[in-house]
PDB file of N, CA and C in Angstrom:
ATOM      1  N   MET A   1       0.837  -1.172  -0.004  1.00  0.00           N
ATOM      2  CA  MET A   1       0.084   0.032  -0.026  1.00  0.00           C
ATOM      3  C   MET A   1       0.887   1.198   0.019  1.00  0.00           C
ATOM      4  N   GLU A   2       0.897   2.009  -1.056  1.00  0.00           N
ATOM      5  CA  GLU A   2       1.726   3.167  -1.244  1.00  0.00           C
ATOM      6  C   GLU A   2       1.377   4.312  -0.372  1.00  0.00           C
ATOM      7  N   ASN A   3       0.073   4.728  -0.525  1.00  0.00           N
ATOM      8  CA  ASN A   3      -0.315   5.935   0.269  1.00  0.00           C
ATOM      9  C   ASN A   3      -0.468   5.606   1.708  1.00  0.00           C
ATOM     10  N   ASN A   4      -0.345   6.598   2.664  1.00  0.00           N
ATOM     11  CA  ASN A   4      -0.312   6.313   4.027  1.00  0.00           C
ATOM     12  C   ASN A   4      -1.757   6.539   4.706  1.00  0.00           C
ATOM     13  N   GLU A   5      -2.824   6.556   3.865  1.00  0.00           N
ATOM     14  CA  GLU A   5      -4.144   6.660   4.436  1.00  0.00           C
ATOM     15  C   GLU A   5      -4.561   5.255   4.946  1.00  0.00           C
ATOM     16  N   LYS A   6      -5.109   5.275   6.114  1.00  0.00           N
ATOM     17  CA  LYS A   6      -5.621   4.035   6.712  1.00  0.00           C
ATOM     18  C   LYS A   6      -6.919   3.547   5.985  1.00  0.00           C
ATOM     19  N   ILE A   7      -7.015   2.278   5.923  1.00  0.00           N
ATOM     20  CA  ILE A   7      -8.250   1.754   5.373  1.00  0.00           C
ATOM     21  C   ILE A   7      -9.367   1.811   6.336  1.00  0.00           C
ATOM     22  N   MET A   8      -8.969   1.537   7.629  1.00  0.00           N
ATOM     23  CA  MET A   8      -9.948   1.534   8.727  1.00  0.00           C
ATOM     24  C   MET A   8      -9.667   2.721   9.706  1.00  0.00           C
ATOM     25  N   LEU A   9     -10.683   3.339  10.143  1.00  0.00           N
ATOM     26  CA  LEU A   9     -10.532   4.334  11.183  1.00  0.00           C
ATOM     27  C   LEU A   9     -10.880   3.796  12.555  1.00  0.00           C
ATOM     28  N   THR A  10     -10.131   4.251  13.612  1.00  0.00           N
ATOM     29  CA  THR A  10     -10.484   3.870  14.930  1.00  0.00           C
ATOM     30  C   THR A  10     -11.366   4.891  15.477  1.00  0.00           C
ATOM     31  N   ALA A  11     -11.771   4.617  16.764  1.00  0.00           N
ATOM     32  CA  ALA A  11     -12.726   5.614  17.447  1.00  0.00           C
ATOM     33  C   ALA A  11     -11.908   6.863  17.650  1.00  0.00           C
ATOM     34  N   ALA A  12     -10.577   6.790  17.998  1.00  0.00           N
ATOM     35  CA  ALA A  12      -9.855   8.011  18.191  1.00  0.00           C
ATOM     36  C   ALA A  12      -9.811   8.846  16.915  1.00  0.00           C
ATOM     37  N   ASP A  13      -9.692   8.154  15.814  1.00  0.00           N
ATOM     38  CA  ASP A  13      -9.636   8.900  14.483  1.00  0.00           C
ATOM     39  C   ASP A  13     -11.050   9.630  14.270  1.00  0.00           C
ATOM     40  N   VAL A  14     -12.061   8.887  14.550  1.00  0.00           N
ATOM     41  CA  VAL A  14     -13.403   9.430  14.341  1.00  0.00           C
ATOM     42  C   VAL A  14     -13.669  10.562  15.248  1.00  0.00           C
ATOM     43  N   ALA A  15     -13.255  10.440  16.484  1.00  0.00           N
ATOM     44  CA  ALA A  15     -13.416  11.433  17.475  1.00  0.00           C
ATOM     45  C   ALA A  15     -12.701  12.812  17.104  1.00  0.00           C
ATOM     46  N   GLU A  16     -11.516  12.527  16.565  1.00  0.00           N
ATOM     47  CA  GLU A  16     -10.695  13.704  16.105  1.00  0.00           C
ATOM     48  C   GLU A  16     -11.239  14.371  14.874  1.00  0.00           C
ATOM     49  N   ILE A  17     -11.764  13.560  13.932  1.00  0.00           N
ATOM     50  CA  ILE A  17     -12.354  14.191  12.722  1.00  0.00           C
ATOM     51  C   ILE A  17     -13.616  14.958  12.988  1.00  0.00           C
ATOM     52  N   LEU A  18     -14.505  14.390  13.900  1.00  0.00           N
ATOM     53  CA  LEU A  18     -15.771  14.981  14.238  1.00  0.00           C
ATOM     54  C   LEU A  18     -15.726  15.897  15.366  1.00  0.00           C
ATOM     55  N   GLN A  19     -14.576  16.001  16.114  1.00  0.00           N
ATOM     56  CA  GLN A  19     -14.395  16.767  17.281  1.00  0.00           C
ATOM     57  C   GLN A  19     -15.473  16.446  18.380  1.00  0.00           C
ATOM     58  N   ILE A  20     -15.443  15.136  18.673  1.00  0.00           N
ATOM     59  CA  ILE A  20     -16.413  14.598  19.696  1.00  0.00           C
ATOM     60  C   ILE A  20     -15.582  13.707  20.702  1.00  0.00           C
ATOM     61  N   LYS A  21     -16.272  13.296  21.728  1.00  0.00           N
ATOM     62  CA  LYS A  21     -15.636  12.431  22.702  1.00  0.00           C
ATOM     63  C   LYS A  21     -15.525  11.009  22.168  1.00  0.00           C
ATOM     64  N   PRO A  22     -14.468  10.248  22.555  1.00  0.00           N
ATOM     65  CA  PRO A  22     -14.259   8.930  22.045  1.00  0.00           C
ATOM     66  C   PRO A  22     -15.500   8.038  22.369  1.00  0.00           C
ATOM     67  N   SER A  23     -16.217   8.125  23.391  1.00  0.00           N
ATOM     68  CA  SER A  23     -17.419   7.338  23.682  1.00  0.00           C
ATOM     69  C   SER A  23     -18.457   7.495  22.630  1.00  0.00           C
ATOM     70  N   ARG A  24     -18.641   8.752  22.220  1.00  0.00           N
ATOM     71  CA  ARG A  24     -19.654   9.038  21.144  1.00  0.00           C
ATOM     72  C   ARG A  24     -19.167   8.524  19.811  1.00  0.00           C
ATOM     73  N   ALA A  25     -17.848   8.519  19.553  1.00  0.00           N
ATOM     74  CA  ALA A  25     -17.242   7.943  18.372  1.00  0.00           C
ATOM     75  C   ALA A  25     -17.494   6.463  18.306  1.00  0.00           C
ATOM     76  N   TYR A  26     -17.398   5.775  19.439  1.00  0.00           N
ATOM     77  CA  TYR A  26     -17.666   4.339  19.477  1.00  0.00           C
ATOM     78  C   TYR A  26     -19.149   4.001  19.192  1.00  0.00           C
ATOM     79  N   SER A  27     -20.025   4.835  19.619  1.00  0.00           N
ATOM     80  CA  SER A  27     -21.430   4.689  19.353  1.00  0.00           C
ATOM     81  C   SER A  27     -21.675   4.807  17.869  1.00  0.00           C
ATOM     82  N   ILE A  28     -21.097   5.885  17.218  1.00  0.00           N
ATOM     83  CA  ILE A  28     -21.255   6.075  15.797  1.00  0.00           C
ATOM     84  C   ILE A  28     -20.706   4.913  14.969  1.00  0.00           C
ATOM     85  N   ILE A  29     -19.540   4.412  15.460  1.00  0.00           N
ATOM     86  CA  ILE A  29     -18.912   3.206  14.695  1.00  0.00           C
ATOM     87  C   ILE A  29     -19.805   2.053  14.839  1.00  0.00           C
ATOM     88  N   ARG A  30     -20.419   1.833  16.014  1.00  0.00           N
ATOM     89  CA  ARG A  30     -21.360   0.698  16.204  1.00  0.00           C
ATOM     90  C   ARG A  30     -22.558   0.795  15.209  1.00  0.00           C
ATOM     91  N   GLN A  31     -23.082   1.977  15.152  1.00  0.00           N
ATOM     92  CA  GLN A  31     -24.205   2.196  14.173  1.00  0.00           C
ATOM     93  C   GLN A  31     -23.861   1.912  12.720  1.00  0.00           C
ATOM     94  N   MET A  32     -22.746   2.483  12.327  1.00  0.00           N
ATOM     95  CA  MET A  32     -22.253   2.227  11.007  1.00  0.00           C
ATOM     96  C   MET A  32     -21.955   0.824  10.736  1.00  0.00           C
ATOM     97  N   ASN A  33     -21.284   0.134  11.700  1.00  0.00           N
ATOM     98  CA  ASN A  33     -20.981  -1.269  11.458  1.00  0.00           C
ATOM     99  C   ASN A  33     -22.230  -2.141  11.434  1.00  0.00           C
ATOM    100  N   ALA A  34     -23.186  -1.799  12.208  1.00  0.00           N
ATOM    101  CA  ALA A  34     -24.467  -2.475  12.164  1.00  0.00           C
ATOM    102  C   ALA A  34     -25.101  -2.550  10.762  1.00  0.00           C
ATOM    103  N   LYS A  35     -25.063  -1.275  10.156  1.00  0.00           N
ATOM    104  CA  LYS A  35     -25.563  -1.187   8.777  1.00  0.00           C
ATOM    105  C   LYS A  35     -24.754  -1.957   7.806  1.00  0.00           C
ATOM    106  N   LEU A  36     -23.418  -1.956   7.890  1.00  0.00           N
ATOM    107  CA  LEU A  36     -22.536  -2.724   7.048  1.00  0.00           C
ATOM    108  C   LEU A  36     -22.795  -4.217   7.301  1.00  0.00           C
ATOM    109  N   THR A  37     -23.022  -4.669   8.419  1.00  0.00           N
ATOM    110  CA  THR A  37     -23.272  -6.104   8.701  1.00  0.00           C
ATOM    111  C   THR A  37     -24.508  -6.513   7.998  1.00  0.00           C
ATOM    112  N   LYS A  38     -25.565  -5.643   8.003  1.00  0.00           N
ATOM    113  CA  LYS A  38     -26.777  -5.961   7.395  1.00  0.00           C
ATOM    114  C   LYS A  38     -26.582  -6.100   5.850  1.00  0.00           C
ATOM    115  N   LYS A  39     -25.633  -5.408   5.265  1.00  0.00           N
ATOM    116  CA  LYS A  39     -25.271  -5.540   3.873  1.00  0.00           C
ATOM    117  C   LYS A  39     -24.436  -6.732   3.621  1.00  0.00           C
ATOM    118  N   GLY A  40     -24.043  -7.433   4.604  1.00  0.00           N
ATOM    119  CA  GLY A  40     -23.216  -8.602   4.455  1.00  0.00           C
ATOM    120  C   GLY A  40     -21.754  -8.307   4.466  1.00  0.00           C
ATOM    121  N   LYS A  41     -21.336  -7.240   4.914  1.00  0.00           N
ATOM    122  CA  LYS A  41     -19.901  -6.858   4.885  1.00  0.00           C
ATOM    123  C   LYS A  41     -19.237  -7.334   6.212  1.00  0.00           C
ATOM    124  N   LEU A  42     -17.939  -7.651   6.157  1.00  0.00           N
ATOM    125  CA  LEU A  42     -17.223  -7.984   7.388  1.00  0.00           C
ATOM    126  C   LEU A  42     -16.787  -6.690   8.057  1.00  0.00           C
ATOM    127  N   VAL A  43     -17.008  -6.710   9.381  1.00  0.00           N
ATOM    128  CA  VAL A  43     -16.663  -5.501  10.205  1.00  0.00           C
ATOM    129  C   VAL A  43     -15.696  -5.772  11.258  1.00  0.00           C
ATOM    130  N   LEU A  44     -14.979  -4.817  11.676  1.00  0.00           N
ATOM    131  CA  LEU A  44     -13.989  -5.060  12.854  1.00  0.00           C
ATOM    132  C   LEU A  44     -14.604  -4.153  14.042  1.00  0.00           C
ATOM    133  N   ARG A  45     -14.724  -4.774  15.081  1.00  0.00           N
ATOM    134  CA  ARG A  45     -15.252  -4.040  16.316  1.00  0.00           C
ATOM    135  C   ARG A  45     -14.297  -2.894  16.641  1.00  0.00           C
ATOM    136  N   GLY A  46     -14.914  -1.739  16.815  1.00  0.00           N
ATOM    137  CA  GLY A  46     -14.182  -0.560  17.177  1.00  0.00           C
ATOM    138  C   GLY A  46     -13.483   0.149  16.081  1.00  0.00           C
ATOM    139  N   ARG A  47     -13.770  -0.270  14.746  1.00  0.00           N
ATOM    140  CA  ARG A  47     -13.167   0.365  13.671  1.00  0.00           C
ATOM    141  C   ARG A  47     -14.275   0.471  12.556  1.00  0.00           C
ATOM    142  N   VAL A  48     -14.068   1.456  11.644  1.00  0.00           N
ATOM    143  CA  VAL A  48     -15.006   1.548  10.558  1.00  0.00           C
ATOM    144  C   VAL A  48     -14.136   1.772   9.219  1.00  0.00           C
ATOM    145  N   ASN A  49     -14.805   1.303   8.121  1.00  0.00           N
ATOM    146  CA  ASN A  49     -14.103   1.519   6.849  1.00  0.00           C
ATOM    147  C   ASN A  49     -14.098   3.062   6.540  1.00  0.00           C
ATOM    148  N   ARG A  50     -12.877   3.535   6.131  1.00  0.00           N
ATOM    149  CA  ARG A  50     -12.632   4.965   5.891  1.00  0.00           C
ATOM    150  C   ARG A  50     -13.656   5.391   4.779  1.00  0.00           C
ATOM    151  N   ARG A  51     -13.664   4.776   3.716  1.00  0.00           N
ATOM    152  CA  ARG A  51     -14.552   5.121   2.532  1.00  0.00           C
ATOM    153  C   ARG A  51     -16.042   5.241   2.909  1.00  0.00           C
ATOM    154  N   TYR A  52     -16.498   4.268   3.696  1.00  0.00           N
ATOM    155  CA  TYR A  52     -17.890   4.197   4.102  1.00  0.00           C
ATOM    156  C   TYR A  52     -18.214   5.446   5.084  1.00  0.00           C
ATOM    157  N   PHE A  53     -17.249   5.700   6.026  1.00  0.00           N
ATOM    158  CA  PHE A  53     -17.306   6.720   6.994  1.00  0.00           C
ATOM    159  C   PHE A  53     -17.429   8.080   6.245  1.00  0.00           C
ATOM    160  N   GLU A  54     -16.521   8.328   5.310  1.00  0.00           N
ATOM    161  CA  GLU A  54     -16.489   9.568   4.590  1.00  0.00           C
ATOM    162  C   GLU A  54     -17.675   9.772   3.750  1.00  0.00           C
ATOM    163  N   GLU A  55     -18.211   8.650   3.167  1.00  0.00           N
ATOM    164  CA  GLU A  55     -19.412   8.706   2.316  1.00  0.00           C
ATOM    165  C   GLU A  55     -20.624   9.113   3.260  1.00  0.00           C
ATOM    166  N   LYS A  56     -20.729   8.527   4.403  1.00  0.00           N
ATOM    167  CA  LYS A  56     -21.863   8.844   5.322  1.00  0.00           C
ATOM    168  C   LYS A  56     -21.820  10.152   5.934  1.00  0.00           C
ATOM    169  N   ILE A  57     -20.660  10.701   6.146  1.00  0.00           N
ATOM    170  CA  ILE A  57     -20.597  12.068   6.737  1.00  0.00           C
ATOM    171  C   ILE A  57     -20.316  13.100   5.654  1.00  0.00           C
ATOM    172  N   SER A  58     -20.384  12.756   4.466  1.00  0.00           N
ATOM    173  CA  SER A  58     -20.217  13.660   3.287  1.00  0.00           C
ATOM    174  C   SER A  58     -18.944  14.417   3.311  1.00  0.00           C
ATOM    175  N   ILE A  59     -17.825  13.767   3.443  1.00  0.00           N
ATOM    176  CA  ILE A  59     -16.537  14.454   3.267  1.00  0.00           C
ATOM    177  C   ILE A  59     -16.221  14.548   1.810  1.00  0.00           C
TER     178      ILE A  59
END
């Protein structure tokens, strides 16, 4: 992987991007991962796919 962008974001990353507390970031990640699971995607607890996150928050 040449570029240094992470594929998965952690709660700390989400909290920093959205300027929220880490506990709220975990809640947002859980909600996003629940939607991804319903679509049949593999998810990692406490992390969210960067592209999906950016798409959902309209970055």
